[in-house]
Amino acid sequence: MALEIADIQEKVEAQFGTAVRNFHMDFDVITFEADADKNTALLLFLKNEESLQFHFLTDLCGIHYPDNDDDHQFAVVYHMHNWVTNTRIKIKAYLNATPEIKTASNIFLCANWMERETYDFYGIHFSGHPQLKRILNMDEMLSFPMRKEFPMEDSGRTDKDDRYFGRTTTNA
């Protein structure tokens, strides 16, 4: 029997109260938001609760929202899967302008690489991570390339003509 959104919402809200909110369906994925300081407790609950059994962390990624207020500048998104009932959930935790959240690598070993990649590209710090360092970019790199403040390309390049990329606004 598949898990229903109402069942999951009831169990999660009973455990975490107002720390979880905005339950809805997105493309057959149960989606909700959670307070960032509850991330590890929530992941453990979803994994260990006998009636939920979300034993697989499918993905963990970051998002940068530069136009949001300071408390919602960044988000960490967790995608989890219950293989028994083939149910998927997505959890979004918003972070402030100096993003930090507890590591999930002690709950799901695969989170180790995902958190390193999220740190490498977004600068989100995962406190308690066993080896939080760059994984794909050079160690000497000072910026985080997936942040919206990162320049798209080198302004000194002369080998590209913006007209070919639809970047001009002149009427010719």
N, C-alpha and C. Protein backbone atom coordinates (compact mmCIF):
# COMPACT_ATOMS: atom_id res chain seq x y z
N MET A 1 0.84 -1.18 0.00
CA MET A 1 0.00 0.00 0.00
C MET A 1 0.89 1.25 0.00
N ALA A 2 0.65 2.14 -0.91
CA ALA A 2 1.47 3.35 -1.04
C ALA A 2 1.18 4.32 0.10
N LEU A 3 2.21 5.04 0.47
CA LEU A 3 2.04 6.07 1.49
C LEU A 3 1.32 7.26 0.87
N GLU A 4 0.39 7.81 1.58
CA GLU A 4 -0.35 8.98 1.12
C GLU A 4 0.22 10.23 1.76
N ILE A 5 0.04 11.36 1.10
CA ILE A 5 0.56 12.63 1.62
C ILE A 5 -0.02 12.93 2.99
N ALA A 6 -1.30 12.61 3.19
CA ALA A 6 -1.95 12.89 4.48
C ALA A 6 -1.31 12.07 5.60
N ASP A 7 -0.97 10.81 5.31
CA ASP A 7 -0.34 9.95 6.32
C ASP A 7 1.03 10.49 6.71
N ILE A 8 1.82 10.84 5.71
CA ILE A 8 3.17 11.35 5.97
C ILE A 8 3.09 12.68 6.71
N GLN A 9 2.22 13.56 6.25
CA GLN A 9 2.08 14.87 6.89
C GLN A 9 1.66 14.71 8.35
N GLU A 10 0.73 13.84 8.62
CA GLU A 10 0.25 13.62 9.99
C GLU A 10 1.38 13.13 10.90
N LYS A 11 2.15 12.17 10.44
CA LYS A 11 3.24 11.61 11.25
C LYS A 11 4.36 12.63 11.47
N VAL A 12 4.72 13.35 10.41
CA VAL A 12 5.82 14.32 10.51
C VAL A 12 5.40 15.51 11.37
N GLU A 13 4.18 16.00 11.18
CA GLU A 13 3.71 17.12 12.00
C GLU A 13 3.55 16.73 13.46
N ALA A 14 3.14 15.49 13.73
CA ALA A 14 3.01 15.03 15.11
C ALA A 14 4.38 15.03 15.80
N GLN A 15 5.43 14.73 15.04
CA GLN A 15 6.77 14.66 15.60
C GLN A 15 7.45 16.03 15.67
N PHE A 16 7.22 16.90 14.66
CA PHE A 16 7.98 18.14 14.55
C PHE A 16 7.15 19.42 14.63
N GLY A 17 5.85 19.31 14.69
CA GLY A 17 4.99 20.48 14.89
C GLY A 17 5.16 21.56 13.83
N THR A 18 5.40 22.78 14.29
CA THR A 18 5.50 23.92 13.37
C THR A 18 6.85 24.01 12.66
N ALA A 19 7.77 23.10 12.95
CA ALA A 19 9.07 23.10 12.27
C ALA A 19 8.96 22.57 10.84
N VAL A 20 7.81 21.99 10.49
CA VAL A 20 7.54 21.53 9.12
C VAL A 20 6.26 22.19 8.63
N ARG A 21 6.22 22.50 7.32
CA ARG A 21 5.08 23.25 6.79
C ARG A 21 5.01 23.11 5.26
N ASN A 22 3.93 23.65 4.70
CA ASN A 22 3.72 23.73 3.24
C ASN A 22 3.79 22.37 2.56
N PHE A 23 3.05 21.42 3.06
CA PHE A 23 2.98 20.09 2.43
C PHE A 23 2.16 20.19 1.15
N HIS A 24 2.68 19.64 0.07
CA HIS A 24 1.95 19.59 -1.19
C HIS A 24 2.61 18.56 -2.11
N MET A 25 1.95 18.29 -3.23
CA MET A 25 2.49 17.35 -4.22
C MET A 25 3.07 18.13 -5.38
N ASP A 26 4.27 17.75 -5.81
CA ASP A 26 4.92 18.29 -7.00
C ASP A 26 5.31 17.11 -7.88
N PHE A 27 4.60 16.91 -8.98
CA PHE A 27 4.95 15.85 -9.92
C PHE A 27 5.09 14.50 -9.21
N ASP A 28 4.10 14.12 -8.45
CA ASP A 28 4.08 12.85 -7.70
C ASP A 28 5.15 12.74 -6.63
N VAL A 29 5.69 13.86 -6.20
CA VAL A 29 6.67 13.88 -5.11
C VAL A 29 6.07 14.69 -3.97
N ILE A 30 6.01 14.10 -2.79
CA ILE A 30 5.51 14.81 -1.62
C ILE A 30 6.57 15.81 -1.20
N THR A 31 6.19 17.07 -1.12
CA THR A 31 7.13 18.16 -0.89
C THR A 31 6.73 18.95 0.34
N PHE A 32 7.72 19.33 1.14
CA PHE A 32 7.45 20.22 2.26
C PHE A 32 8.72 20.93 2.69
N GLU A 33 8.55 21.96 3.51
CA GLU A 33 9.67 22.74 4.03
C GLU A 33 9.89 22.38 5.49
N ALA A 34 11.13 22.53 5.93
CA ALA A 34 11.47 22.24 7.32
C ALA A 34 12.48 23.26 7.83
N ASP A 35 12.46 23.51 9.13
CA ASP A 35 13.47 24.38 9.73
C ASP A 35 14.83 23.72 9.59
N ALA A 36 15.83 24.53 9.26
CA ALA A 36 17.17 24.00 9.01
C ALA A 36 17.77 23.33 10.24
N ASP A 37 17.45 23.81 11.43
CA ASP A 37 18.05 23.21 12.63
C ASP A 37 17.45 21.85 12.98
N LYS A 38 16.42 21.43 12.28
CA LYS A 38 15.79 20.13 12.52
C LYS A 38 16.14 19.11 11.45
N ASN A 39 17.07 19.44 10.55
CA ASN A 39 17.31 18.57 9.39
C ASN A 39 17.74 17.16 9.77
N THR A 40 18.68 17.01 10.68
CA THR A 40 19.15 15.66 10.99
C THR A 40 18.10 14.86 11.76
N ALA A 41 17.40 15.50 12.67
CA ALA A 41 16.33 14.80 13.39
C ALA A 41 15.23 14.36 12.43
N LEU A 42 14.89 15.21 11.48
CA LEU A 42 13.86 14.89 10.50
C LEU A 42 14.30 13.73 9.60
N LEU A 43 15.52 13.78 9.11
CA LEU A 43 16.03 12.70 8.25
C LEU A 43 16.07 11.37 9.00
N LEU A 44 16.52 11.41 10.24
CA LEU A 44 16.53 10.19 11.06
C LEU A 44 15.12 9.64 11.28
N PHE A 45 14.18 10.53 11.56
CA PHE A 45 12.80 10.11 11.76
C PHE A 45 12.24 9.46 10.50
N LEU A 46 12.45 10.10 9.35
CA LEU A 46 11.93 9.56 8.09
C LEU A 46 12.58 8.22 7.75
N LYS A 47 13.82 8.06 8.11
CA LYS A 47 14.54 6.82 7.83
C LYS A 47 14.13 5.70 8.79
N ASN A 48 14.03 6.01 10.08
CA ASN A 48 13.85 4.99 11.10
C ASN A 48 12.40 4.68 11.47
N GLU A 49 11.49 5.59 11.18
CA GLU A 49 10.08 5.34 11.51
C GLU A 49 9.58 4.14 10.71
N GLU A 50 9.10 3.13 11.42
CA GLU A 50 8.70 1.86 10.80
C GLU A 50 7.65 2.04 9.71
N SER A 51 6.74 2.97 9.87
CA SER A 51 5.67 3.14 8.89
C SER A 51 6.08 4.02 7.70
N LEU A 52 7.24 4.66 7.77
CA LEU A 52 7.67 5.55 6.68
C LEU A 52 8.78 4.91 5.82
N GLN A 53 9.85 4.47 6.42
CA GLN A 53 10.92 3.73 5.75
C GLN A 53 11.55 4.45 4.56
N PHE A 54 11.91 5.72 4.71
CA PHE A 54 12.63 6.44 3.66
C PHE A 54 14.13 6.17 3.87
N HIS A 55 14.56 5.00 3.39
CA HIS A 55 15.92 4.53 3.64
C HIS A 55 16.94 5.00 2.61
N PHE A 56 16.50 5.67 1.57
CA PHE A 56 17.42 6.02 0.48
C PHE A 56 17.42 7.53 0.25
N LEU A 57 18.58 8.14 0.40
CA LEU A 57 18.76 9.55 0.07
C LEU A 57 19.16 9.61 -1.41
N THR A 58 18.22 10.01 -2.23
CA THR A 58 18.44 10.05 -3.68
C THR A 58 19.36 11.19 -4.07
N ASP A 59 19.12 12.36 -3.46
CA ASP A 59 19.89 13.54 -3.85
C ASP A 59 19.87 14.56 -2.72
N LEU A 60 20.89 15.37 -2.71
CA LEU A 60 21.01 16.50 -1.79
C LEU A 60 21.66 17.61 -2.61
N CYS A 61 21.06 18.78 -2.63
CA CYS A 61 21.63 19.85 -3.45
C CYS A 61 21.34 21.21 -2.80
N GLY A 62 21.97 22.22 -3.33
CA GLY A 62 21.78 23.58 -2.85
C GLY A 62 21.11 24.45 -3.89
N ILE A 63 20.52 25.54 -3.42
CA ILE A 63 19.91 26.54 -4.29
C ILE A 63 20.26 27.91 -3.73
N HIS A 64 20.51 28.86 -4.61
CA HIS A 64 20.78 30.24 -4.19
C HIS A 64 19.65 31.12 -4.71
N TYR A 65 19.03 31.85 -3.78
CA TYR A 65 17.96 32.80 -4.10
C TYR A 65 18.44 34.20 -3.73
N PRO A 66 19.19 34.88 -4.60
CA PRO A 66 19.78 36.17 -4.23
C PRO A 66 18.75 37.27 -3.99
N ASP A 67 17.55 37.15 -4.54
CA ASP A 67 16.54 38.19 -4.39
C ASP A 67 15.67 38.00 -3.15
N ASN A 68 15.80 36.88 -2.47
CA ASN A 68 15.03 36.65 -1.24
C ASN A 68 15.62 37.44 -0.08
N ASP A 69 14.85 37.53 1.01
CA ASP A 69 15.37 38.20 2.20
C ASP A 69 16.52 37.38 2.78
N ASP A 70 17.24 37.97 3.72
CA ASP A 70 18.47 37.35 4.24
C ASP A 70 18.26 35.97 4.86
N ASP A 71 17.08 35.71 5.42
CA ASP A 71 16.84 34.41 6.05
C ASP A 71 16.50 33.31 5.05
N HIS A 72 16.30 33.66 3.79
CA HIS A 72 15.95 32.68 2.76
C HIS A 72 16.85 32.80 1.53
N GLN A 73 18.11 33.18 1.74
CA GLN A 73 19.05 33.36 0.63
C GLN A 73 19.43 32.02 -0.02
N PHE A 74 19.54 30.99 0.78
CA PHE A 74 19.96 29.68 0.30
C PHE A 74 18.98 28.62 0.77
N ALA A 75 19.02 27.48 0.10
CA ALA A 75 18.23 26.33 0.54
C ALA A 75 19.02 25.07 0.28
N VAL A 76 18.82 24.09 1.15
CA VAL A 76 19.33 22.74 0.93
C VAL A 76 18.10 21.88 0.69
N VAL A 77 18.14 21.08 -0.37
CA VAL A 77 17.01 20.24 -0.74
C VAL A 77 17.43 18.78 -0.64
N TYR A 78 16.62 18.00 0.08
CA TYR A 78 16.85 16.57 0.24
C TYR A 78 15.76 15.82 -0.52
N HIS A 79 16.16 14.85 -1.33
CA HIS A 79 15.21 13.96 -2.02
C HIS A 79 15.39 12.57 -1.42
N MET A 80 14.30 11.99 -0.93
CA MET A 80 14.37 10.67 -0.30
C MET A 80 13.36 9.74 -0.97
N HIS A 81 13.64 8.44 -0.87
CA HIS A 81 12.82 7.45 -1.56
C HIS A 81 12.54 6.27 -0.63
N ASN A 82 11.28 5.88 -0.59
CA ASN A 82 10.86 4.66 0.09
C ASN A 82 10.70 3.60 -1.00
N TRP A 83 11.61 2.64 -1.04
CA TRP A 83 11.57 1.62 -2.09
C TRP A 83 10.43 0.63 -1.89
N VAL A 84 9.98 0.44 -0.68
CA VAL A 84 8.92 -0.53 -0.40
C VAL A 84 7.61 -0.09 -1.05
N THR A 85 7.26 1.19 -0.88
CA THR A 85 6.00 1.69 -1.44
C THR A 85 6.23 2.57 -2.67
N ASN A 86 7.48 2.73 -3.08
CA ASN A 86 7.85 3.58 -4.22
C ASN A 86 7.31 5.01 -4.03
N THR A 87 7.55 5.55 -2.86
CA THR A 87 7.12 6.91 -2.52
C THR A 87 8.35 7.80 -2.42
N ARG A 88 8.24 8.99 -2.97
CA ARG A 88 9.35 9.94 -2.94
C ARG A 88 8.93 11.20 -2.20
N ILE A 89 9.89 11.78 -1.47
CA ILE A 89 9.63 13.05 -0.81
C ILE A 89 10.78 14.02 -1.10
N LYS A 90 10.45 15.29 -1.02
CA LYS A 90 11.44 16.36 -1.18
C LYS A 90 11.29 17.29 0.00
N ILE A 91 12.40 17.58 0.67
CA ILE A 91 12.40 18.46 1.84
C ILE A 91 13.31 19.64 1.53
N LYS A 92 12.80 20.84 1.76
CA LYS A 92 13.59 22.04 1.52
C LYS A 92 13.79 22.77 2.84
N ALA A 93 15.05 23.08 3.14
CA ALA A 93 15.40 23.83 4.35
C ALA A 93 16.09 25.12 3.94
N TYR A 94 15.49 26.26 4.30
CA TYR A 94 16.07 27.55 3.94
C TYR A 94 17.16 27.96 4.92
N LEU A 95 18.18 28.64 4.38
CA LEU A 95 19.31 29.10 5.18
C LEU A 95 19.51 30.59 4.96
N ASN A 96 20.23 31.23 5.87
CA ASN A 96 20.46 32.67 5.76
C ASN A 96 21.64 32.98 4.84
N ALA A 97 22.05 34.22 4.80
CA ALA A 97 23.08 34.68 3.87
C ALA A 97 24.47 34.09 4.17
N THR A 98 24.69 33.60 5.38
CA THR A 98 25.92 32.86 5.69
C THR A 98 25.48 31.42 5.96
N PRO A 99 25.31 30.63 4.91
CA PRO A 99 24.61 29.34 5.01
C PRO A 99 25.40 28.27 5.76
N GLU A 100 24.72 27.68 6.74
CA GLU A 100 25.29 26.57 7.50
C GLU A 100 24.16 25.66 7.97
N ILE A 101 24.41 24.35 7.88
CA ILE A 101 23.43 23.35 8.29
C ILE A 101 24.19 22.12 8.76
N LYS A 102 23.57 21.30 9.61
CA LYS A 102 24.25 20.10 10.11
C LYS A 102 24.39 19.06 9.00
N THR A 103 25.46 18.31 9.06
CA THR A 103 25.72 17.27 8.05
C THR A 103 24.76 16.10 8.19
N ALA A 104 24.45 15.49 7.07
CA ALA A 104 23.65 14.27 7.05
C ALA A 104 24.52 13.08 6.70
N SER A 105 25.83 13.29 6.61
CA SER A 105 26.73 12.22 6.20
C SER A 105 26.85 11.12 7.26
N ASN A 106 26.48 11.41 8.49
CA ASN A 106 26.49 10.37 9.51
C ASN A 106 25.19 9.55 9.50
N ILE A 107 24.20 10.00 8.74
CA ILE A 107 22.93 9.28 8.59
C ILE A 107 22.93 8.48 7.29
N PHE A 108 23.34 9.15 6.21
CA PHE A 108 23.45 8.53 4.89
C PHE A 108 24.88 8.74 4.40
N LEU A 109 25.61 7.67 4.19
CA LEU A 109 27.01 7.79 3.76
C LEU A 109 27.13 8.51 2.42
N CYS A 110 26.14 8.35 1.55
CA CYS A 110 26.20 9.00 0.24
C CYS A 110 26.12 10.52 0.35
N ALA A 111 25.65 11.04 1.46
CA ALA A 111 25.56 12.49 1.65
C ALA A 111 26.94 13.13 1.71
N ASN A 112 27.96 12.35 2.02
CA ASN A 112 29.31 12.88 2.11
C ASN A 112 29.70 13.60 0.83
N TRP A 113 29.59 12.92 -0.31
CA TRP A 113 29.97 13.52 -1.58
C TRP A 113 29.00 14.62 -2.00
N MET A 114 27.72 14.40 -1.76
CA MET A 114 26.72 15.40 -2.15
C MET A 114 26.93 16.70 -1.38
N GLU A 115 27.25 16.61 -0.10
CA GLU A 115 27.51 17.81 0.69
C GLU A 115 28.78 18.50 0.26
N ARG A 116 29.80 17.73 -0.08
CA ARG A 116 31.04 18.34 -0.57
C ARG A 116 30.79 19.09 -1.88
N GLU A 117 30.01 18.51 -2.75
CA GLU A 117 29.69 19.16 -4.02
C GLU A 117 28.87 20.43 -3.78
N THR A 118 27.91 20.37 -2.87
CA THR A 118 27.09 21.54 -2.54
C THR A 118 27.95 22.63 -1.92
N TYR A 119 28.87 22.26 -1.06
CA TYR A 119 29.80 23.23 -0.50
C TYR A 119 30.67 23.84 -1.60
N ASP A 120 31.18 23.00 -2.47
CA ASP A 120 32.09 23.44 -3.53
C ASP A 120 31.43 24.45 -4.46
N PHE A 121 30.17 24.26 -4.78
CA PHE A 121 29.52 25.13 -5.75
C PHE A 121 28.69 26.26 -5.13
N TYR A 122 28.20 26.08 -3.91
CA TYR A 122 27.34 27.10 -3.29
C TYR A 122 27.93 27.72 -2.03
N GLY A 123 28.95 27.11 -1.45
CA GLY A 123 29.54 27.63 -0.23
C GLY A 123 28.71 27.35 1.00
N ILE A 124 27.81 26.40 0.93
CA ILE A 124 27.00 26.03 2.09
C ILE A 124 27.86 25.14 2.99
N HIS A 125 28.01 25.56 4.23
CA HIS A 125 28.86 24.83 5.18
C HIS A 125 28.03 23.78 5.91
N PHE A 126 28.51 22.54 5.90
CA PHE A 126 27.83 21.44 6.58
C PHE A 126 28.61 21.13 7.85
N SER A 127 28.13 21.65 8.98
CA SER A 127 28.85 21.48 10.23
C SER A 127 28.85 20.01 10.65
N GLY A 128 30.02 19.55 11.08
CA GLY A 128 30.19 18.16 11.48
C GLY A 128 30.59 17.24 10.35
N HIS A 129 30.73 17.77 9.15
CA HIS A 129 31.14 16.94 8.01
C HIS A 129 32.58 16.48 8.22
N PRO A 130 32.90 15.22 7.94
CA PRO A 130 34.24 14.71 8.24
C PRO A 130 35.35 15.26 7.35
N GLN A 131 35.04 15.73 6.16
CA GLN A 131 36.09 16.23 5.27
C GLN A 131 35.49 17.24 4.29
N LEU A 132 35.00 18.34 4.80
CA LEU A 132 34.35 19.33 3.95
C LEU A 132 35.39 20.18 3.25
N LYS A 133 35.68 19.81 2.01
CA LYS A 133 36.61 20.58 1.18
C LYS A 133 36.15 20.44 -0.26
N ARG A 134 36.73 21.26 -1.11
CA ARG A 134 36.32 21.25 -2.52
C ARG A 134 36.51 19.86 -3.12
N ILE A 135 35.60 19.53 -4.04
CA ILE A 135 35.63 18.19 -4.63
C ILE A 135 35.85 18.24 -6.14
N LEU A 136 35.39 19.30 -6.81
CA LEU A 136 35.54 19.41 -8.26
C LEU A 136 36.33 20.66 -8.68
N ASN A 137 36.20 21.74 -7.95
CA ASN A 137 36.93 22.96 -8.27
C ASN A 137 38.28 22.97 -7.58
N MET A 138 39.14 23.88 -8.02
CA MET A 138 40.47 23.99 -7.43
C MET A 138 40.38 24.49 -5.99
N ASP A 139 41.25 23.99 -5.14
CA ASP A 139 41.27 24.42 -3.74
C ASP A 139 41.52 25.91 -3.60
N GLU A 140 42.26 26.51 -4.54
CA GLU A 140 42.62 27.92 -4.48
C GLU A 140 41.46 28.83 -4.88
N MET A 141 40.40 28.28 -5.42
CA MET A 141 39.27 29.09 -5.89
C MET A 141 38.62 29.80 -4.72
N LEU A 142 38.37 31.10 -4.86
CA LEU A 142 37.82 31.90 -3.77
C LEU A 142 36.30 32.03 -3.83
N SER A 143 35.72 31.85 -5.00
CA SER A 143 34.28 32.03 -5.16
C SER A 143 33.58 30.68 -5.27
N PHE A 144 32.26 30.74 -5.30
CA PHE A 144 31.44 29.55 -5.43
C PHE A 144 30.61 29.70 -6.71
N PRO A 145 30.92 28.93 -7.75
CA PRO A 145 30.42 29.20 -9.10
C PRO A 145 28.93 29.07 -9.33
N MET A 146 28.17 28.39 -8.48
CA MET A 146 26.73 28.29 -8.71
C MET A 146 25.94 29.40 -8.03
N ARG A 147 26.61 30.22 -7.26
CA ARG A 147 25.93 31.38 -6.68
C ARG A 147 25.65 32.38 -7.79
N LYS A 148 24.55 33.06 -7.67
CA LYS A 148 24.15 34.00 -8.71
C LYS A 148 25.07 35.21 -8.79
N GLU A 149 25.90 35.44 -7.78
CA GLU A 149 26.83 36.56 -7.81
C GLU A 149 28.10 36.23 -8.58
N PHE A 150 28.28 34.97 -8.95
CA PHE A 150 29.47 34.56 -9.69
C PHE A 150 29.34 35.06 -11.13
N PRO A 151 30.38 35.68 -11.69
CA PRO A 151 30.28 36.18 -13.07
C PRO A 151 30.12 35.02 -14.06
N MET A 152 29.27 35.21 -15.04
CA MET A 152 28.99 34.17 -16.02
C MET A 152 30.21 33.82 -16.86
N GLU A 153 30.97 34.82 -17.25
CA GLU A 153 32.16 34.58 -18.05
C GLU A 153 33.13 35.72 -17.87
N ASP A 154 34.31 35.53 -18.33
CA ASP A 154 35.36 36.52 -18.22
C ASP A 154 35.03 37.74 -19.07
N SER A 155 34.95 38.90 -18.45
CA SER A 155 34.59 40.12 -19.20
C SER A 155 35.70 40.54 -20.15
N GLY A 156 36.88 40.02 -19.98
CA GLY A 156 37.99 40.39 -20.86
C GLY A 156 38.10 39.55 -22.12
N ARG A 157 37.22 38.58 -22.28
CA ARG A 157 37.30 37.71 -23.46
C ARG A 157 36.91 38.46 -24.72
N THR A 158 37.66 38.24 -25.77
CA THR A 158 37.38 38.88 -27.06
C THR A 158 36.97 37.87 -28.12
N ASP A 159 36.94 36.59 -27.77
CA ASP A 159 36.62 35.56 -28.77
C ASP A 159 35.14 35.27 -28.89
N LYS A 160 34.31 35.96 -28.13
CA LYS A 160 32.87 35.74 -28.21
C LYS A 160 32.18 37.04 -28.61
N ASP A 161 31.23 36.93 -29.47
CA ASP A 161 30.43 38.08 -29.88
C ASP A 161 29.03 37.87 -29.30
N ASP A 162 28.61 38.74 -28.40
CA ASP A 162 27.32 38.58 -27.71
C ASP A 162 26.14 38.52 -28.66
N ARG A 163 26.27 39.07 -29.86
CA ARG A 163 25.14 39.04 -30.81
C ARG A 163 24.76 37.61 -31.15
N TYR A 164 25.73 36.70 -31.13
CA TYR A 164 25.45 35.31 -31.48
C TYR A 164 24.75 34.55 -30.35
N PHE A 165 24.69 35.14 -29.18
CA PHE A 165 24.09 34.49 -28.04
C PHE A 165 22.80 35.18 -27.59
N GLY A 166 22.28 36.07 -28.45
CA GLY A 166 21.01 36.75 -28.14
C GLY A 166 21.11 37.72 -27.00
N ARG A 167 22.27 38.34 -26.79
CA ARG A 167 22.46 39.20 -25.64
C ARG A 167 22.43 40.70 -26.01
N THR A 168 22.11 41.02 -27.21
CA THR A 168 22.06 42.44 -27.57
C THR A 168 20.62 42.91 -27.58
N THR A 169 20.42 44.17 -27.29
CA THR A 169 19.07 44.75 -27.28
C THR A 169 18.91 45.82 -28.35
N THR A 170 19.86 45.95 -29.22
CA THR A 170 19.77 46.98 -30.26
C THR A 170 18.88 46.50 -31.38
N ASN A 171 18.18 47.42 -31.98
CA ASN A 171 17.31 47.10 -33.12
C ASN A 171 18.08 47.33 -34.39
N ALA A 172 18.36 46.30 -35.10
CA ALA A 172 19.12 46.44 -36.35
C ALA A 172 18.26 46.15 -37.55
